C-alpha atoms as a PDB file:
ATOM      1  CA  MET A   1     -44.760 -58.482 -13.120  1.00  0.00           C
ATOM      2  CA  ARG A   2     -44.747 -56.378 -10.037  1.00  0.00           C
ATOM      3  CA  ASP A   3     -47.644 -55.805  -7.833  1.00  0.00           C
ATOM      4  CA  ASP A   4     -48.292 -52.056  -7.730  1.00  0.00           C
ATOM      5  CA  SER A   5     -50.784 -52.430  -4.917  1.00  0.00           C
ATOM      6  CA  ALA A   6     -47.888 -52.968  -2.470  1.00  0.00           C
ATOM      7  CA  GLN A   7     -46.313 -49.604  -3.448  1.00  0.00           C
ATOM      8  CA  LYS A   8     -49.374 -47.365  -3.341  1.00  0.00           C
ATOM      9  CA  PRO A   9     -51.301 -46.887  -0.153  1.00  0.00           C
ATOM     10  CA  SER A  10     -54.985 -47.397  -0.421  1.00  0.00           C
ATOM     11  CA  ALA A  11     -57.726 -45.789   1.570  1.00  0.00           C
ATOM     12  CA  ASP A  12     -58.281 -48.928   3.645  1.00  0.00           C
ATOM     13  CA  ARG A  13     -54.540 -49.684   4.128  1.00  0.00           C
ATOM     14  CA  PRO A  14     -52.225 -46.821   5.333  1.00  0.00           C
ATOM     15  CA  TYR A  15     -48.670 -46.424   4.031  1.00  0.00           C
ATOM     16  CA  GLU A  16     -46.148 -47.727   6.531  1.00  0.00           C
ATOM     17  CA  VAL A  17     -42.810 -45.904   6.939  1.00  0.00           C
ATOM     18  CA  GLY A  18     -39.922 -48.224   7.688  1.00  0.00           C
ATOM     19  CA  TYR A  19     -36.827 -49.877   6.251  1.00  0.00           C
ATOM     20  CA  CYS A  20     -36.542 -48.902   2.535  1.00  0.00           C
ATOM     21  CA  LYS A  21     -39.902 -47.133   2.852  1.00  0.00           C
ATOM     22  CA  PRO A  22     -39.261 -43.383   3.273  1.00  0.00           C
ATOM     23  CA  PRO A  23     -42.040 -40.928   4.002  1.00  0.00           C
ATOM     24  CA  ILE A  24     -44.038 -40.045   0.895  1.00  0.00           C
ATOM     25  CA  ALA A  25     -43.370 -36.298   1.241  1.00  0.00           C
ATOM     26  CA  THR A  26     -39.615 -36.755   0.900  1.00  0.00           C
ATOM     27  CA  ARG A  27     -39.433 -39.984  -1.065  1.00  0.00           C
ATOM     28  CA  PHE A  28     -38.088 -38.550  -4.356  1.00  0.00           C
ATOM     29  CA  GLY A  29     -35.980 -35.686  -3.034  1.00  0.00           C
ATOM     30  CA  GLN A  30     -38.828 -33.221  -2.772  1.00  0.00           C
ATOM     31  CA  ARG A  31     -37.942 -31.733   0.559  1.00  0.00           C
ATOM     32  CA  GLN A  32     -38.850 -28.376   1.942  1.00  0.00           C
ATOM     33  CA  PRO A  33     -35.938 -26.154   2.908  1.00  0.00           C
ATOM     34  CA  PRO A  34     -35.283 -26.030   6.630  1.00  0.00           C
ATOM     35  CA  LYS A  35     -37.029 -23.278   8.512  1.00  0.00           C
ATOM     36  CA  ARG A  36     -34.707 -20.447   9.420  1.00  0.00           C
ATOM     37  CA  ARG A  37     -34.732 -19.307  12.981  1.00  0.00           C
ATOM     38  CA  SER A  38     -34.633 -15.628  13.593  1.00  0.00           C
ATOM     39  CA  GLY A  39     -31.430 -15.051  15.511  1.00  0.00           C
ATOM     40  CA  GLY A  40     -32.392 -11.609  16.694  1.00  0.00           C
ATOM     41  CA  THR A  41     -30.152  -8.722  15.687  1.00  0.00           C
ATOM     42  CA  GLU A  42     -27.421  -9.208  13.135  1.00  0.00           C
ATOM     43  CA  GLN A  43     -23.807  -8.967  14.229  1.00  0.00           C
ATOM     44  CA  PRO A  44     -22.063  -5.836  12.905  1.00  0.00           C
ATOM     45  CA  LEU A  45     -19.294  -6.377  10.396  1.00  0.00           C
ATOM     46  CA  PRO A  46     -15.799  -6.059  11.878  1.00  0.00           C
ATOM     47  CA  ASP A  47     -13.788  -2.931  11.086  1.00  0.00           C
ATOM     48  CA  ILE A  48     -10.850  -4.485   9.226  1.00  0.00           C
ATOM     49  CA  ALA A  49      -8.900  -1.209   9.018  1.00  0.00           C
ATOM     50  CA  ALA A  50      -9.066  -0.791  12.803  1.00  0.00           C
ATOM     51  CA  ILE A  51      -7.977  -4.387  13.357  1.00  0.00           C
ATOM     52  CA  LEU A  52      -4.985  -4.002  11.050  1.00  0.00           C
ATOM     53  CA  ASP A  53      -3.971  -0.736  12.711  1.00  0.00           C
ATOM     54  CA  HIS A  54      -3.435  -2.183  16.193  1.00  0.00           C
ATOM     55  CA  PRO A  55      -0.146  -3.886  17.104  1.00  0.00           C
ATOM     56  CA  ILE A  56      -0.222  -7.621  17.657  1.00  0.00           C
ATOM     57  CA  ALA A  57       1.721  -9.757  20.129  1.00  0.00           C
ATOM     58  CA  VAL A  58       4.555 -11.688  18.487  1.00  0.00           C
ATOM     59  CA  LYS A  59       7.706 -13.528  19.477  1.00  0.00           C
ATOM     60  CA  VAL A  60      10.845 -12.331  17.666  1.00  0.00           C
ATOM     61  CA  ASN A  61      14.227 -13.924  18.419  1.00  0.00           C
ATOM     62  CA  GLY A  62      12.778 -15.611  21.480  1.00  0.00           C
ATOM     63  CA  ARG A  63      11.474 -12.373  22.990  1.00  0.00           C
ATOM     64  CA  ASN A  64       7.857 -11.313  23.241  1.00  0.00           C
ATOM     65  CA  GLY A  65       6.941  -7.984  21.715  1.00  0.00           C
ATOM     66  CA  ARG A  66       4.338  -6.100  19.757  1.00  0.00           C
ATOM     67  CA  LEU A  67       4.540  -5.336  16.043  1.00  0.00           C
ATOM     68  CA  HIS A  68       2.304  -3.699  13.484  1.00  0.00           C
ATOM     69  CA  PRO A  69       0.517  -6.463  11.516  1.00  0.00           C
ATOM     70  CA  HIS A  70       2.205  -5.418   8.258  1.00  0.00           C
ATOM     71  CA  GLU A  71       5.634  -5.578   9.895  1.00  0.00           C
ATOM     72  CA  ALA A  72       4.834  -8.990  11.377  1.00  0.00           C
ATOM     73  CA  ALA A  73       3.792 -10.237   7.931  1.00  0.00           C
ATOM     74  CA  LEU A  74       7.059  -8.954   6.457  1.00  0.00           C
ATOM     75  CA  HIS A  75       9.028 -10.803   9.161  1.00  0.00           C
ATOM     76  CA  GLY A  76       7.262 -14.009   8.192  1.00  0.00           C
ATOM     77  CA  LEU A  77       7.776 -13.304   4.512  1.00  0.00           C
ATOM     78  CA  PHE A  78      11.477 -12.656   5.049  1.00  0.00           C
ATOM     79  CA  GLY A  79      11.787 -15.965   6.906  1.00  0.00           C
ATOM     80  CA  ARG A  80      10.421 -17.725   3.837  1.00  0.00           C
ATOM     81  CA  VAL A  81      12.796 -15.699   1.610  1.00  0.00           C
ATOM     82  CA  VAL A  82      15.772 -16.928   3.632  1.00  0.00           C
ATOM     83  CA  LYS A  83      14.583 -20.504   3.140  1.00  0.00           C
ATOM     84  CA  GLY A  84      14.687 -19.907  -0.618  1.00  0.00           C
ATOM     85  CA  GLU A  85      11.013 -19.989  -1.594  1.00  0.00           C
ATOM     86  CA  ILE A  86      10.751 -18.431  -5.054  1.00  0.00           C
ATOM     87  CA  ARG A  87       7.207 -17.117  -4.591  1.00  0.00           C
ATOM     88  CA  ALA A  88       8.216 -15.472  -1.301  1.00  0.00           C
ATOM     89  CA  ILE A  89      11.263 -13.877  -2.953  1.00  0.00           C
ATOM     90  CA  LYS A  90       9.075 -12.402  -5.696  1.00  0.00           C
ATOM     91  CA  GLN A  91       6.592 -11.066  -3.151  1.00  0.00           C
ATOM     92  CA  PHE A  92       9.400  -9.619  -1.012  1.00  0.00           C
ATOM     93  CA  LEU A  93      10.879  -7.833  -4.024  1.00  0.00           C
ATOM     94  CA  LYS A  94       7.443  -6.391  -4.855  1.00  0.00           C
ATOM     95  CA  GLU A  95       7.117  -5.096  -1.290  1.00  0.00           C
ATOM     96  CA  CYS A  96      10.611  -3.568  -1.444  1.00  0.00           C
ATOM     97  CA  ASP A  97       9.786  -1.900  -4.763  1.00  0.00           C
ATOM     98  CA  ARG A  98       6.516  -0.581  -3.354  1.00  0.00           C
ATOM     99  CA  ALA A  99       8.444   0.931  -0.427  1.00  0.00           C
ATOM    100  CA  GLY A 100      10.894   2.580  -2.848  1.00  0.00           C
ATOM    101  CA  LEU A 101      13.870   0.529  -1.707  1.00  0.00           C
ATOM    102  CA  LEU A 102      14.746  -0.650  -5.212  1.00  0.00           C
ATOM    103  CA  ALA A 103      14.764   2.785  -6.846  1.00  0.00           C
ATOM    104  CA  ALA A 104      18.029   3.680  -8.507  1.00  0.00           C
ATOM    105  CA  GLN A 105      20.140   5.837  -6.255  1.00  0.00           C
ATOM    106  CA  THR A 106      21.875   8.807  -7.758  1.00  0.00           C
ATOM    107  CA  ALA A 107      25.574   8.275  -7.550  1.00  0.00           C
ATOM    108  CA  ALA A 108      27.401  10.757  -5.375  1.00  0.00           C
ATOM    109  CA  PHE A 109      30.563  11.833  -7.110  1.00  0.00           C
ATOM    110  CA  ASP A 110      33.026  14.640  -6.822  1.00  0.00           C
ATOM    111  CA  CYS A 111      33.288  16.953  -9.764  1.00  0.00           C
ATOM    112  CA  VAL A 112      34.144  20.491 -10.677  1.00  0.00           C
ATOM    113  CA  VAL A 113      31.474  22.669 -12.250  1.00  0.00           C
ATOM    114  CA  HIS A 114      32.547  25.864 -13.959  1.00  0.00           C
ATOM    115  CA  LEU A 115      29.896  28.504 -13.310  1.00  0.00           C
ATOM    116  CA  PRO A 116      29.596  31.791 -15.173  1.00  0.00           C
ATOM    117  CA  ASN A 117      31.246  34.712 -13.317  1.00  0.00           C
ATOM    118  CA  ASP A 118      28.320  37.095 -13.772  1.00  0.00           C
ATOM    119  CA  ILE A 119      25.887  34.945 -11.714  1.00  0.00           C
ATOM    120  CA  PRO A 120      25.778  35.089  -7.873  1.00  0.00           C
ATOM    121  CA  TRP A 121      26.813  31.878  -6.121  1.00  0.00           C
ATOM    122  CA  GLU A 122      23.407  31.167  -4.494  1.00  0.00           C
ATOM    123  CA  LEU A 123      21.612  31.736  -7.776  1.00  0.00           C
ATOM    124  CA  ALA A 124      24.044  29.487  -9.662  1.00  0.00           C
ATOM    125  CA  CYS A 125      23.459  26.686  -7.138  1.00  0.00           C
ATOM    126  CA  TYR A 126      19.692  27.138  -7.480  1.00  0.00           C
ATOM    127  CA  ILE A 127      19.854  27.008 -11.288  1.00  0.00           C
ATOM    128  CA  LEU A 128      22.149  23.992 -11.075  1.00  0.00           C
ATOM    129  CA  GLN A 129      19.568  22.128  -8.979  1.00  0.00           C
ATOM    130  CA  HIS A 130      16.640  23.011 -11.237  1.00  0.00           C
ATOM    131  CA  ALA A 131      18.128  23.197 -14.737  1.00  0.00           C
ATOM    132  CA  GLY A 132      21.098  20.850 -14.486  1.00  0.00           C
ATOM    133  CA  LEU A 133      24.704  21.430 -15.488  1.00  0.00           C
ATOM    134  CA  PRO A 134      25.738  24.488 -17.539  1.00  0.00           C
ATOM    135  CA  PRO A 135      25.792  25.788 -20.250  1.00  0.00           C
ATOM    136  CA  TRP A 136      22.363  27.308 -19.585  1.00  0.00           C
ATOM    137  CA  ASP A 137      20.050  29.115 -21.941  1.00  0.00           C
ATOM    138  CA  PRO A 138      20.600  32.893 -21.580  1.00  0.00           C
ATOM    139  CA  LEU A 139      16.832  33.533 -21.369  1.00  0.00           C
ATOM    140  CA  LEU A 140      16.574  31.022 -18.504  1.00  0.00           C
ATOM    141  CA  VAL A 141      19.450  32.688 -16.649  1.00  0.00           C
ATOM    142  CA  ALA A 142      17.945  36.142 -17.232  1.00  0.00           C
ATOM    143  CA  SER A 143      14.570  35.070 -15.784  1.00  0.00           C
ATOM    144  CA  TYR A 144      16.206  33.501 -12.708  1.00  0.00           C
ATOM    145  CA  LEU A 145      18.440  36.577 -12.256  1.00  0.00           C
ATOM    146  CA  ALA A 146      15.445  38.968 -12.416  1.00  0.00           C
ATOM    147  CA  GLU A 147      13.623  36.874  -9.804  1.00  0.00           C
ATOM    148  CA  TYR A 148      16.770  36.805  -7.645  1.00  0.00           C
ATOM    149  CA  LYS A 149      17.139  40.609  -7.758  1.00  0.00           C
ATOM    150  CA  ALA A 150      13.460  41.067  -6.872  1.00  0.00           C
ATOM    151  CA  ASP A 151      13.904  38.734  -3.883  1.00  0.00           C
ATOM    152  CA  LEU A 152      16.937  40.735  -2.726  1.00  0.00           C
ATOM    153  CA  GLU A 153      14.921  43.974  -2.902  1.00  0.00           C
ATOM    154  CA  ARG A 154      12.137  42.406  -0.826  1.00  0.00           C
ATOM    155  CA  LEU A 155      14.684  41.247   1.741  1.00  0.00           C
ATOM    156  CA  GLU A 156      16.183  44.751   1.904  1.00  0.00           C
ATOM    157  CA  ARG A 157      12.744  46.154   2.718  1.00  0.00           C
ATOM    158  CA  VAL A 158      12.186  43.544   5.434  1.00  0.00           C
ATOM    159  CA  GLU A 159      15.722  43.693   6.880  1.00  0.00           C
ATOM    160  CA  PRO A 160      17.153  47.156   6.277  1.00  0.00           C
ATOM    161  CA  GLY A 161      20.594  46.194   7.640  1.00  0.00           C
ATOM    162  CA  ASN A 162      21.094  43.620   4.870  1.00  0.00           C
ATOM    163  CA  LYS A 163      23.483  45.321   2.453  1.00  0.00           C
ATOM    164  CA  ARG A 164      23.699  42.481  -0.067  1.00  0.00           C
ATOM    165  CA  SER A 165      23.862  43.654  -3.650  1.00  0.00           C
ATOM    166  CA  PRO A 166      23.030  41.573  -6.703  1.00  0.00           C
ATOM    167  CA  ASP A 167      26.553  42.128  -7.966  1.00  0.00           C
ATOM    168  CA  ASP A 168      28.039  40.529  -4.847  1.00  0.00           C
ATOM    169  CA  HIS A 169      28.742  36.970  -5.941  1.00  0.00           C
ATOM    170  CA  GLY A 170      28.788  35.544  -2.420  1.00  0.00           C
ATOM    171  CA  ARG A 171      32.238  34.092  -2.874  1.00  0.00           C
END
C-alpha cells in the first residue's frame, strides 16, 4: 500500500515543488488562461481592393517592370500551363472564358442577299441587322418603313436642304 501522507501536504509540513512534484494549482491541468495585455489601439484592416489595384514590380523576360496584380497572376498561370499542369490549364480556360475569349465567333462570309425593291437601302440594311435575312413579315416591314419616313420628315425639318425622299432607294 501507498502512503498517502507523502502526497498530501499537512499543516505542519508544506508541499515542496520539485522534480515530479508540480505546483498544486496546475497539477491536473487546471490552469488559468494567460492574461491578455492590452495592446492599445487595434490595427485597421487592410484595404484589399486598393492593394490589388496598384501595379506591382515584376521581372518579365529578364526585364524589370510593373504589372497589374491580375495580369501578373495570369503570367504565372500561363507559365504553369506551358509546363502542362492540368489544374493550371483548367483554370486558364476558365479565365479565358470569363474574359469572353472562348465565345464562338460569327463566321464572316461573302454572300448575296436579295432585298425587296420597294424598301430603301438604309432601311433594308437596318432590318437585316435586327430581323435577319429576308423574307420578312410584311407587318414588320411596314412598321420599320413608317418609322423611317417619320425620321426623314424630322431630318427635313432640321436640315431644310436635305431633299431625300422615302422613295429614293439610296442606290
